[in-house]
Amino acid sequence: MQRPPVAVRVELDFKDTVVAAFARRETQQPELVALREENAALKREKKQIVQETTRAVRELENTIRIYANQIQVLTLRNAELDDQLRRHSDQDASVIPVRPGTLSRSTDAS
């Protein structure tokens, strides 16, 4: 039995479509390889940036801890000096106690 011409035409169209698809795939293959390589390079770059950022954050957190410790030491020393000044002013009436904020720069210069 002979196949109808429509079936033959459909089969030929299908074969042409498959051949064209394979041809497009072969021509697009270098582009896909380039995109995969670019994607891999971007992933490596992102990983490096994340590592550098993590390192910088760690260093900044360490710096903050150091500054906090220095502030605590200076605050304690300031309290000790205030106590010493208070004791001296209690012992010697000629010592005028200085309260924070009572002296301005203009009075210091004169």
C-alpha atoms as a PDB file:
ATOM      1  CA  MET A   1       0.000   0.000   0.000  1.00  0.00           C
ATOM      2  CA  GLN A   2       1.237   3.368  -0.951  1.00  0.00           C
ATOM      3  CA  ARG A   3       1.406   6.107   1.679  1.00  0.00           C
ATOM      4  CA  PRO A   4      -0.630   9.207   1.145  1.00  0.00           C
ATOM      5  CA  PRO A   5       1.320  12.208  -0.150  1.00  0.00           C
ATOM      6  CA  VAL A   6       0.463  14.203   2.966  1.00  0.00           C
ATOM      7  CA  ALA A   7       2.147  11.598   5.180  1.00  0.00           C
ATOM      8  CA  VAL A   8       5.234  11.617   2.999  1.00  0.00           C
ATOM      9  CA  ARG A   9       5.341  15.434   3.127  1.00  0.00           C
ATOM     10  CA  VAL A  10       4.940  15.426   6.930  1.00  0.00           C
ATOM     11  CA  GLU A  11       7.713  12.849   7.277  1.00  0.00           C
ATOM     12  CA  LEU A  12      10.038  14.884   5.058  1.00  0.00           C
ATOM     13  CA  ASP A  13       9.195  18.082   6.954  1.00  0.00           C
ATOM     14  CA  PHE A  14       9.925  16.307  10.233  1.00  0.00           C
ATOM     15  CA  LYS A  15      13.277  15.039   8.951  1.00  0.00           C
ATOM     16  CA  ASP A  16      14.167  18.536   7.678  1.00  0.00           C
ATOM     17  CA  THR A  17      13.210  20.027  11.048  1.00  0.00           C
ATOM     18  CA  VAL A  18      15.362  17.507  12.949  1.00  0.00           C
ATOM     19  CA  VAL A  19      18.340  18.063  10.638  1.00  0.00           C
ATOM     20  CA  ALA A  20      17.959  21.852  10.988  1.00  0.00           C
ATOM     21  CA  ALA A  21      17.746  21.538  14.781  1.00  0.00           C
ATOM     22  CA  PHE A  22      20.968  19.497  14.894  1.00  0.00           C
ATOM     23  CA  ALA A  23      22.663  22.020  12.613  1.00  0.00           C
ATOM     24  CA  ARG A  24      21.584  24.910  14.867  1.00  0.00           C
ATOM     25  CA  ARG A  25      22.812  22.976  17.871  1.00  0.00           C
ATOM     26  CA  GLU A  26      26.225  22.506  16.307  1.00  0.00           C
ATOM     27  CA  THR A  27      26.508  26.184  15.402  1.00  0.00           C
ATOM     28  CA  GLN A  28      25.362  27.288  18.854  1.00  0.00           C
ATOM     29  CA  GLN A  29      27.643  24.880  20.707  1.00  0.00           C
ATOM     30  CA  PRO A  30      30.634  27.309  20.884  1.00  0.00           C
ATOM     31  CA  GLU A  31      28.330  29.976  22.299  1.00  0.00           C
ATOM     32  CA  LEU A  32      27.060  27.577  24.967  1.00  0.00           C
ATOM     33  CA  VAL A  33      30.628  26.601  25.893  1.00  0.00           C
ATOM     34  CA  ALA A  34      31.591  30.266  26.167  1.00  0.00           C
ATOM     35  CA  LEU A  35      28.561  30.967  28.366  1.00  0.00           C
ATOM     36  CA  ARG A  36      29.413  28.019  30.622  1.00  0.00           C
ATOM     37  CA  GLU A  37      32.999  29.255  30.958  1.00  0.00           C
ATOM     38  CA  GLU A  38      31.803  32.774  31.730  1.00  0.00           C
ATOM     39  CA  ASN A  39      29.385  31.390  34.314  1.00  0.00           C
ATOM     40  CA  ALA A  40      32.185  29.400  35.982  1.00  0.00           C
ATOM     41  CA  ALA A  41      34.442  32.481  36.016  1.00  0.00           C
ATOM     42  CA  LEU A  42      31.688  34.580  37.576  1.00  0.00           C
ATOM     43  CA  LYS A  43      31.104  31.929  40.251  1.00  0.00           C
ATOM     44  CA  ARG A  44      34.827  31.918  41.094  1.00  0.00           C
ATOM     45  CA  GLU A  45      34.841  35.718  41.252  1.00  0.00           C
ATOM     46  CA  LYS A  46      31.778  35.725  43.512  1.00  0.00           C
ATOM     47  CA  LYS A  47      33.433  33.189  45.840  1.00  0.00           C
ATOM     48  CA  GLN A  48      36.573  35.335  46.031  1.00  0.00           C
ATOM     49  CA  ILE A  49      34.542  38.483  46.747  1.00  0.00           C
ATOM     50  CA  VAL A  50      32.617  36.682  49.502  1.00  0.00           C
ATOM     51  CA  GLN A  51      35.894  35.506  51.060  1.00  0.00           C
ATOM     52  CA  GLU A  52      37.407  39.003  50.923  1.00  0.00           C
ATOM     53  CA  THR A  53      34.262  40.553  52.387  1.00  0.00           C
ATOM     54  CA  THR A  54      34.178  37.988  55.179  1.00  0.00           C
ATOM     55  CA  ARG A  55      37.830  38.700  55.970  1.00  0.00           C
ATOM     56  CA  ALA A  56      37.206  42.474  56.000  1.00  0.00           C
ATOM     57  CA  VAL A  57      34.168  42.093  58.282  1.00  0.00           C
ATOM     58  CA  ARG A  58      36.209  39.917  60.653  1.00  0.00           C
ATOM     59  CA  GLU A  59      38.973  42.546  60.786  1.00  0.00           C
ATOM     60  CA  LEU A  60      36.466  45.353  61.393  1.00  0.00           C
ATOM     61  CA  GLU A  61      34.772  43.388  64.177  1.00  0.00           C
ATOM     62  CA  ASN A  62      38.189  42.863  65.776  1.00  0.00           C
ATOM     63  CA  THR A  63      38.920  46.607  65.496  1.00  0.00           C
ATOM     64  CA  ILE A  64      35.569  47.387  67.138  1.00  0.00           C
ATOM     65  CA  ARG A  65      36.404  45.032  70.029  1.00  0.00           C
ATOM     66  CA  ILE A  66      39.795  46.723  70.487  1.00  0.00           C
ATOM     67  CA  TYR A  67      38.200  50.196  70.490  1.00  0.00           C
ATOM     68  CA  ALA A  68      35.533  49.054  72.949  1.00  0.00           C
ATOM     69  CA  ASN A  69      38.230  47.737  75.292  1.00  0.00           C
ATOM     70  CA  GLN A  70      40.197  50.989  74.995  1.00  0.00           C
ATOM     71  CA  ILE A  71      37.066  53.029  75.730  1.00  0.00           C
ATOM     72  CA  GLN A  72      36.389  50.876  78.778  1.00  0.00           C
ATOM     73  CA  VAL A  73      39.959  51.355  80.051  1.00  0.00           C
ATOM     74  CA  LEU A  74      39.802  55.116  79.461  1.00  0.00           C
ATOM     75  CA  THR A  75      36.418  55.347  81.179  1.00  0.00           C
ATOM     76  CA  LEU A  76      37.749  53.513  84.219  1.00  0.00           C
ATOM     77  CA  ARG A  77      40.857  55.731  84.300  1.00  0.00           C
ATOM     78  CA  ASN A  78      38.678  58.820  84.006  1.00  0.00           C
ATOM     79  CA  ALA A  79      36.611  57.615  86.978  1.00  0.00           C
ATOM     80  CA  GLU A  80      39.821  57.054  88.972  1.00  0.00           C
ATOM     81  CA  LEU A  81      41.014  60.573  88.169  1.00  0.00           C
ATOM     82  CA  ASP A  82      37.637  62.000  89.176  1.00  0.00           C
ATOM     83  CA  ASP A  83      37.918  60.164  92.517  1.00  0.00           C
ATOM     84  CA  GLN A  84      41.460  61.481  93.045  1.00  0.00           C
ATOM     85  CA  LEU A  85      40.346  65.020  92.229  1.00  0.00           C
ATOM     86  CA  ARG A  86      37.428  64.708  94.630  1.00  0.00           C
ATOM     87  CA  ARG A  87      39.735  63.453  97.408  1.00  0.00           C
ATOM     88  CA  HIS A  88      42.202  66.305  96.805  1.00  0.00           C
ATOM     89  CA  SER A  89      39.440  68.882  96.787  1.00  0.00           C
ATOM     90  CA  ASP A  90      38.113  67.469 100.074  1.00  0.00           C
ATOM     91  CA  GLN A  91      41.589  67.676 101.621  1.00  0.00           C
ATOM     92  CA  ASP A  92      42.621  71.058 100.211  1.00  0.00           C
ATOM     93  CA  ALA A  93      40.096  73.892 100.041  1.00  0.00           C
ATOM     94  CA  SER A  94      42.212  75.758  97.444  1.00  0.00           C
ATOM     95  CA  VAL A  95      41.554  73.008  94.827  1.00  0.00           C
ATOM     96  CA  ILE A  96      38.580  73.999  92.747  1.00  0.00           C
ATOM     97  CA  PRO A  97      36.733  70.931  91.480  1.00  0.00           C
ATOM     98  CA  VAL A  98      36.239  70.945  87.732  1.00  0.00           C
ATOM     99  CA  ARG A  99      33.090  69.408  86.383  1.00  0.00           C
ATOM    100  CA  PRO A 100      32.979  68.089  82.835  1.00  0.00           C
ATOM    101  CA  GLY A 101      31.680  70.709  80.431  1.00  0.00           C
ATOM    102  CA  THR A 102      32.288  73.718  82.715  1.00  0.00           C
ATOM    103  CA  LEU A 103      35.451  74.812  80.925  1.00  0.00           C
ATOM    104  CA  SER A 104      35.230  75.949  77.345  1.00  0.00           C
ATOM    105  CA  ARG A 105      38.091  76.333  74.916  1.00  0.00           C
ATOM    106  CA  SER A 106      37.806  80.119  75.051  1.00  0.00           C
ATOM    107  CA  THR A 107      38.442  80.175  78.816  1.00  0.00           C
ATOM    108  CA  ASP A 108      41.361  77.740  78.458  1.00  0.00           C
ATOM    109  CA  ALA A 109      43.169  80.084  76.078  1.00  0.00           C
ATOM    110  CA  SER A 110      42.959  83.121  78.341  1.00  0.00           C
END
